[in-house]
C-alpha atoms as a PDB file:
ATOM      1  CA  MET A   1      75.429 108.446  61.959  1.00  0.00           C
ATOM      2  CA  ARG A   2      73.612 107.544  65.048  1.00  0.00           C
ATOM      3  CA  LYS A   3      76.697 105.918  66.681  1.00  0.00           C
ATOM      4  CA  PHE A   4      78.948 108.827  65.807  1.00  0.00           C
ATOM      5  CA  THR A   5      76.440 111.510  66.901  1.00  0.00           C
ATOM      6  CA  LEU A   6      76.418 109.385  70.286  1.00  0.00           C
ATOM      7  CA  LEU A   7      80.076 109.403  70.345  1.00  0.00           C
ATOM      8  CA  VAL A   8      80.632 112.919  69.843  1.00  0.00           C
ATOM      9  CA  LEU A   9      77.682 113.269  72.804  1.00  0.00           C
ATOM     10  CA  PHE A  10      79.607 110.943  75.291  1.00  0.00           C
ATOM     11  CA  PHE A  11      82.888 112.883  74.788  1.00  0.00           C
ATOM     12  CA  SER A  12      81.243 116.342  74.918  1.00  0.00           C
ATOM     13  CA  ILE A  13      79.746 115.051  78.469  1.00  0.00           C
ATOM     14  CA  ALA A  14      82.958 113.468  79.570  1.00  0.00           C
ATOM     15  CA  PHE A  15      85.015 116.783  78.553  1.00  0.00           C
ATOM     16  CA  VAL A  16      82.586 119.107  80.470  1.00  0.00           C
ATOM     17  CA  SER A  17      82.744 116.739  83.348  1.00  0.00           C
ATOM     18  CA  ALA A  18      86.392 116.970  83.407  1.00  0.00           C
ATOM     19  CA  GLN A  19      86.574 120.935  83.383  1.00  0.00           C
ATOM     20  CA  ASP A  20      84.240 120.913  85.709  1.00  0.00           C
ATOM     21  CA  ALA A  21      86.387 118.546  88.249  1.00  0.00           C
ATOM     22  CA  GLN A  22      89.071 120.741  87.514  1.00  0.00           C
ATOM     23  CA  SER A  23      87.617 123.869  88.063  1.00  0.00           C
ATOM     24  CA  ILE A  24      86.321 122.567  91.745  1.00  0.00           C
ATOM     25  CA  GLN A  25      89.597 121.001  92.260  1.00  0.00           C
ATOM     26  CA  LYS A  26      90.836 124.614  92.056  1.00  0.00           C
ATOM     27  CA  GLU A  27      88.516 125.962  94.426  1.00  0.00           C
ATOM     28  CA  ILE A  28      89.687 123.006  96.727  1.00  0.00           C
ATOM     29  CA  ASN A  29      93.395 124.198  96.471  1.00  0.00           C
ATOM     30  CA  GLU A  30      92.233 127.470  97.180  1.00  0.00           C
ATOM     31  CA  THR A  31      89.992 126.781 100.386  1.00  0.00           C
ATOM     32  CA  LEU A  32      91.413 123.723 101.542  1.00  0.00           C
ATOM     33  CA  TRP A  33      94.937 123.020 100.730  1.00  0.00           C
ATOM     34  CA  LYS A  34      96.514 126.196 100.792  1.00  0.00           C
ATOM     35  CA  PRO A  35      94.999 126.783 104.429  1.00  0.00           C
ATOM     36  CA  PHE A  36      96.101 122.974 105.059  1.00  0.00           C
ATOM     37  CA  LYS A  37      99.826 124.046 104.355  1.00  0.00           C
ATOM     38  CA  ALA A  38      99.612 127.324 105.957  1.00  0.00           C
ATOM     39  CA  ALA A  39      98.545 125.876 109.028  1.00  0.00           C
ATOM     40  CA  PHE A  40     101.296 123.269 109.378  1.00  0.00           C
ATOM     41  CA  GLU A  41     103.618 126.058 108.548  1.00  0.00           C
ATOM     42  CA  ASN A  42     102.379 128.669 110.796  1.00  0.00           C
ATOM     43  CA  ILE A  43     102.245 125.982 113.479  1.00  0.00           C
ATOM     44  CA  ASP A  44      98.377 126.902 114.061  1.00  0.00           C
ATOM     45  CA  GLY A  45      96.713 123.797 115.667  1.00  0.00           C
ATOM     46  CA  PRO A  46      93.137 125.839 115.539  1.00  0.00           C
ATOM     47  CA  ALA A  47      93.395 126.434 112.004  1.00  0.00           C
ATOM     48  CA  LEU A  48      94.102 123.078 111.032  1.00  0.00           C
ATOM     49  CA  ASN A  49      91.563 121.693 113.095  1.00  0.00           C
ATOM     50  CA  ALA A  50      89.170 123.957 111.021  1.00  0.00           C
ATOM     51  CA  LEU A  51      89.702 122.428 107.918  1.00  0.00           C
ATOM     52  CA  TYR A  52      88.091 118.867 109.220  1.00  0.00           C
ATOM     53  CA  GLY A  53      84.386 118.287 109.362  1.00  0.00           C
ATOM     54  CA  LYS A  54      82.980 117.668 112.789  1.00  0.00           C
ATOM     55  CA  GLN A  55      82.904 114.106 112.173  1.00  0.00           C
ATOM     56  CA  VAL A  56      85.831 112.473 111.042  1.00  0.00           C
ATOM     57  CA  LEU A  57      87.587 109.122 110.060  1.00  0.00           C
ATOM     58  CA  ARG A  58      91.044 109.481 111.105  1.00  0.00           C
ATOM     59  CA  VAL A  59      93.089 106.147 110.300  1.00  0.00           C
ATOM     60  CA  THR A  60      96.805 105.998 110.792  1.00  0.00           C
ATOM     61  CA  PRO A  61      99.418 103.138 111.258  1.00  0.00           C
ATOM     62  CA  ASN A  62      98.381 103.598 115.033  1.00  0.00           C
ATOM     63  CA  GLY A  63      94.738 102.814 114.570  1.00  0.00           C
ATOM     64  CA  ILE A  64      91.456 104.317 113.765  1.00  0.00           C
ATOM     65  CA  ASP A  65      89.948 107.412 115.254  1.00  0.00           C
ATOM     66  CA  THR A  66      86.338 107.436 115.020  1.00  0.00           C
ATOM     67  CA  GLU A  67      85.786 110.256 118.027  1.00  0.00           C
ATOM     68  CA  ASN A  68      88.124 112.976 116.739  1.00  0.00           C
ATOM     69  CA  LYS A  69      91.050 112.529 119.603  1.00  0.00           C
ATOM     70  CA  PHE A  70      93.333 113.382 116.767  1.00  0.00           C
ATOM     71  CA  LYS A  71      91.846 116.825 116.853  1.00  0.00           C
ATOM     72  CA  GLU A  72      93.424 117.280 120.510  1.00  0.00           C
ATOM     73  CA  ALA A  73      96.543 115.650 119.471  1.00  0.00           C
ATOM     74  CA  ASN A  74      97.039 118.143 116.868  1.00  0.00           C
ATOM     75  CA  LEU A  75      96.775 120.888 119.403  1.00  0.00           C
ATOM     76  CA  LYS A  76      99.232 119.315 121.531  1.00  0.00           C
ATOM     77  CA  ARG A  77     101.730 118.396 119.038  1.00  0.00           C
ATOM     78  CA  PHE A  78     101.369 122.151 117.671  1.00  0.00           C
ATOM     79  CA  GLU A  79     102.111 123.596 121.024  1.00  0.00           C
ATOM     80  CA  ASN A  80     105.152 121.247 121.655  1.00  0.00           C
ATOM     81  CA  ASN A  81     106.514 122.343 118.241  1.00  0.00           C
ATOM     82  CA  LYS A  82     106.021 126.172 119.171  1.00  0.00           C
ATOM     83  CA  SER A  83     107.655 125.637 122.600  1.00  0.00           C
ATOM     84  CA  SER A  84     110.662 123.915 121.076  1.00  0.00           C
ATOM     85  CA  GLN A  85     111.046 126.593 118.415  1.00  0.00           C
ATOM     86  CA  ALA A  86     110.556 124.223 115.125  1.00  0.00           C
ATOM     87  CA  ASN A  87     109.851 125.137 111.742  1.00  0.00           C
ATOM     88  CA  ILE A  88     107.788 123.019 109.839  1.00  0.00           C
ATOM     89  CA  GLN A  89     108.124 122.850 105.977  1.00  0.00           C
ATOM     90  CA  LEU A  90     105.175 120.786 104.213  1.00  0.00           C
ATOM     91  CA  ASP A  91     105.164 119.964 100.411  1.00  0.00           C
ATOM     92  CA  PHE A  92     102.735 117.622  98.900  1.00  0.00           C
ATOM     93  CA  TRP A  93     101.567 116.513  95.542  1.00  0.00           C
ATOM     94  CA  PHE A  94      98.623 114.338  94.110  1.00  0.00           C
ATOM     95  CA  ASP A  95      99.025 111.037  92.536  1.00  0.00           C
ATOM     96  CA  SER A  96      95.162 110.998  91.715  1.00  0.00           C
ATOM     97  CA  ARG A  97      91.927 113.261  92.570  1.00  0.00           C
ATOM     98  CA  HIS A  98      88.422 112.197  91.818  1.00  0.00           C
ATOM     99  CA  THR A  99      85.991 114.914  92.136  1.00  0.00           C
ATOM    100  CA  ASN A 100      81.998 115.720  91.706  1.00  0.00           C
ATOM    101  CA  SER A 101      79.965 118.865  92.833  1.00  0.00           C
ATOM    102  CA  ASP A 102      80.333 117.911  96.529  1.00  0.00           C
ATOM    103  CA  THR A 103      82.702 115.077  97.242  1.00  0.00           C
ATOM    104  CA  SER A 104      86.645 114.393  96.245  1.00  0.00           C
ATOM    105  CA  TYR A 105      88.918 111.709  96.763  1.00  0.00           C
ATOM    106  CA  GLU A 106      92.469 112.759  96.554  1.00  0.00           C
ATOM    107  CA  VAL A 107      95.579 110.636  97.160  1.00  0.00           C
ATOM    108  CA  GLY A 108      99.107 111.833  97.237  1.00  0.00           C
ATOM    109  CA  PHE A 109     102.525 112.237  98.748  1.00  0.00           C
ATOM    110  CA  TYR A 110     103.928 114.465 101.125  1.00  0.00           C
ATOM    111  CA  ARG A 111     107.255 115.913 102.604  1.00  0.00           C
ATOM    112  CA  MET A 112     107.356 117.454 106.462  1.00  0.00           C
ATOM    113  CA  GLN A 113     110.485 118.857 107.245  1.00  0.00           C
ATOM    114  CA  LEU A 114     110.625 119.559 110.946  1.00  0.00           C
ATOM    115  CA  THR A 115     113.409 121.808 112.403  1.00  0.00           C
ATOM    116  CA  ASN A 116     114.277 122.884 115.790  1.00  0.00           C
ATOM    117  CA  PRO A 117     117.454 123.776 117.585  1.00  0.00           C
ATOM    118  CA  GLY A 118     117.964 119.880 118.251  1.00  0.00           C
ATOM    119  CA  GLY A 119     118.610 119.376 114.283  1.00  0.00           C
ATOM    120  CA  GLU A 120     116.212 118.182 111.215  1.00  0.00           C
ATOM    121  CA  ASN A 121     113.733 115.546 110.892  1.00  0.00           C
ATOM    122  CA  THR A 122     112.117 114.826 107.303  1.00  0.00           C
ATOM    123  CA  ILE A 123     109.022 112.623 107.488  1.00  0.00           C
ATOM    124  CA  TYR A 124     107.714 111.279 103.841  1.00  0.00           C
ATOM    125  CA  GLY A 125     104.037 109.535 103.340  1.00  0.00           C
ATOM    126  CA  GLN A 126     101.361 108.974 101.266  1.00  0.00           C
ATOM    127  CA  PHE A 127      97.766 110.122 102.357  1.00  0.00           C
ATOM    128  CA  HIS A 128      94.037 109.336 100.953  1.00  0.00           C
ATOM    129  CA  ILE A 129      91.608 112.188 102.181  1.00  0.00           C
ATOM    130  CA  VAL A 130      87.864 111.997 101.457  1.00  0.00           C
ATOM    131  CA  LEU A 131      86.547 115.840 101.095  1.00  0.00           C
ATOM    132  CA  LYS A 132      83.023 116.734 101.489  1.00  0.00           C
ATOM    133  CA  ARG A 133      81.182 120.295 100.978  1.00  0.00           C
ATOM    134  CA  ILE A 134      79.498 120.879 103.896  1.00  0.00           C
ATOM    135  CA  ASP A 135      77.406 124.116 103.870  1.00  0.00           C
ATOM    136  CA  GLY A 136      79.044 125.379 100.926  1.00  0.00           C
ATOM    137  CA  VAL A 137      82.696 124.770 102.293  1.00  0.00           C
ATOM    138  CA  TRP A 138      85.078 121.954 101.662  1.00  0.00           C
ATOM    139  CA  LYS A 139      85.895 119.779 105.139  1.00  0.00           C
ATOM    140  CA  ILE A 140      88.026 116.768 105.318  1.00  0.00           C
ATOM    141  CA  ILE A 141      85.683 114.139 106.349  1.00  0.00           C
ATOM    142  CA  GLN A 142      88.323 110.900 106.097  1.00  0.00           C
ATOM    143  CA  ASP A 143      92.092 111.145 106.567  1.00  0.00           C
ATOM    144  CA  TRP A 144      94.320 108.230 106.057  1.00  0.00           C
ATOM    145  CA  ASP A 145      98.227 108.470 105.963  1.00  0.00           C
ATOM    146  CA  THR A 146     101.263 106.134 106.316  1.00  0.00           C
ATOM    147  CA  THR A 147     105.006 106.259 105.923  1.00  0.00           C
ATOM    148  CA  ARG A 148     105.175 103.015 104.463  1.00  0.00           C
ATOM    149  CA  ILE A 149     103.594 101.037 101.550  1.00  0.00           C
ATOM    150  CA  ASN A 150     104.116  97.269 100.789  1.00  0.00           C
ATOM    151  CA  GLY A 151     105.907  97.263 103.966  1.00  0.00           C
ATOM    152  CA  ASN A 152     108.534  99.411 102.240  1.00  0.00           C
ATOM    153  CA  ALA A 153     109.170 103.043 103.783  1.00  0.00           C
ATOM    154  CA  ILE A 154     108.429 105.888 101.724  1.00  0.00           C
ATOM    155  CA  SER A 155     111.477 107.986 100.917  1.00  0.00           C
ATOM    156  CA  ALA A 156     112.675 111.105  99.288  1.00  0.00           C
ATOM    157  CA  SER A 157     112.765 109.219  95.914  1.00  0.00           C
ATOM    158  CA  ASP A 158     109.176 108.066  96.083  1.00  0.00           C
ATOM    159  CA  PHE A 159     108.490 111.998  96.730  1.00  0.00           C
ATOM    160  CA  GLU A 160     110.586 113.276  94.412  1.00  0.00           C
ATOM    161  CA  LYS A 161     108.761 111.498  91.340  1.00  0.00           C
ATOM    162  CA  GLN A 162     106.487 114.960  90.850  1.00  0.00           C
ATOM    163  CA  ALA A 163     106.937 118.255  92.031  1.00  0.00           C
ATOM    164  CA  PRO A 164     105.188 119.534  95.073  1.00  0.00           C
ATOM    165  CA  ILE A 165     101.936 121.947  94.267  1.00  0.00           C
ATOM    166  CA  GLN A 166     102.648 125.491  94.234  1.00  0.00           C
ATOM    167  CA  PHE A 167      99.949 128.085  95.599  1.00  0.00           C
ATOM    168  CA  GLU A 168     100.132 131.476  94.373  1.00  0.00           C
END
């Protein structure tokens, strides 16, 4: 009987923890990911940068940025996109999310479609992002992404394994 009671207690705690994580992930979706997508699609560099913490570890195939240089690059890139009359459509989905009350580790795939008078370009990639609740607000503190896995370019077929997240 004691083993059964311990087993029931364990599963109850695990179930409550899973529900808590789901509730927090819904909060993250609304307060961070929805504005993240909107910042890209509205080509709003300051809004995008506001979603990052003061100190961020940013890793790309080009190297490691521990001095927040990517934030200035975001502003320049978005200004270039505006001046070239670009339109951006960003879609993404999560492959895994591990969340507690103040930290979340999120892995997923994205598709970014850039359209301007010169044509269209679609970029696919994978991201690994660490979020931290700072003064009650979720911020990105680590951002790693790539367009290749195991030497192979991430493609439409990789992205299409799941439907993109939809915001209300």
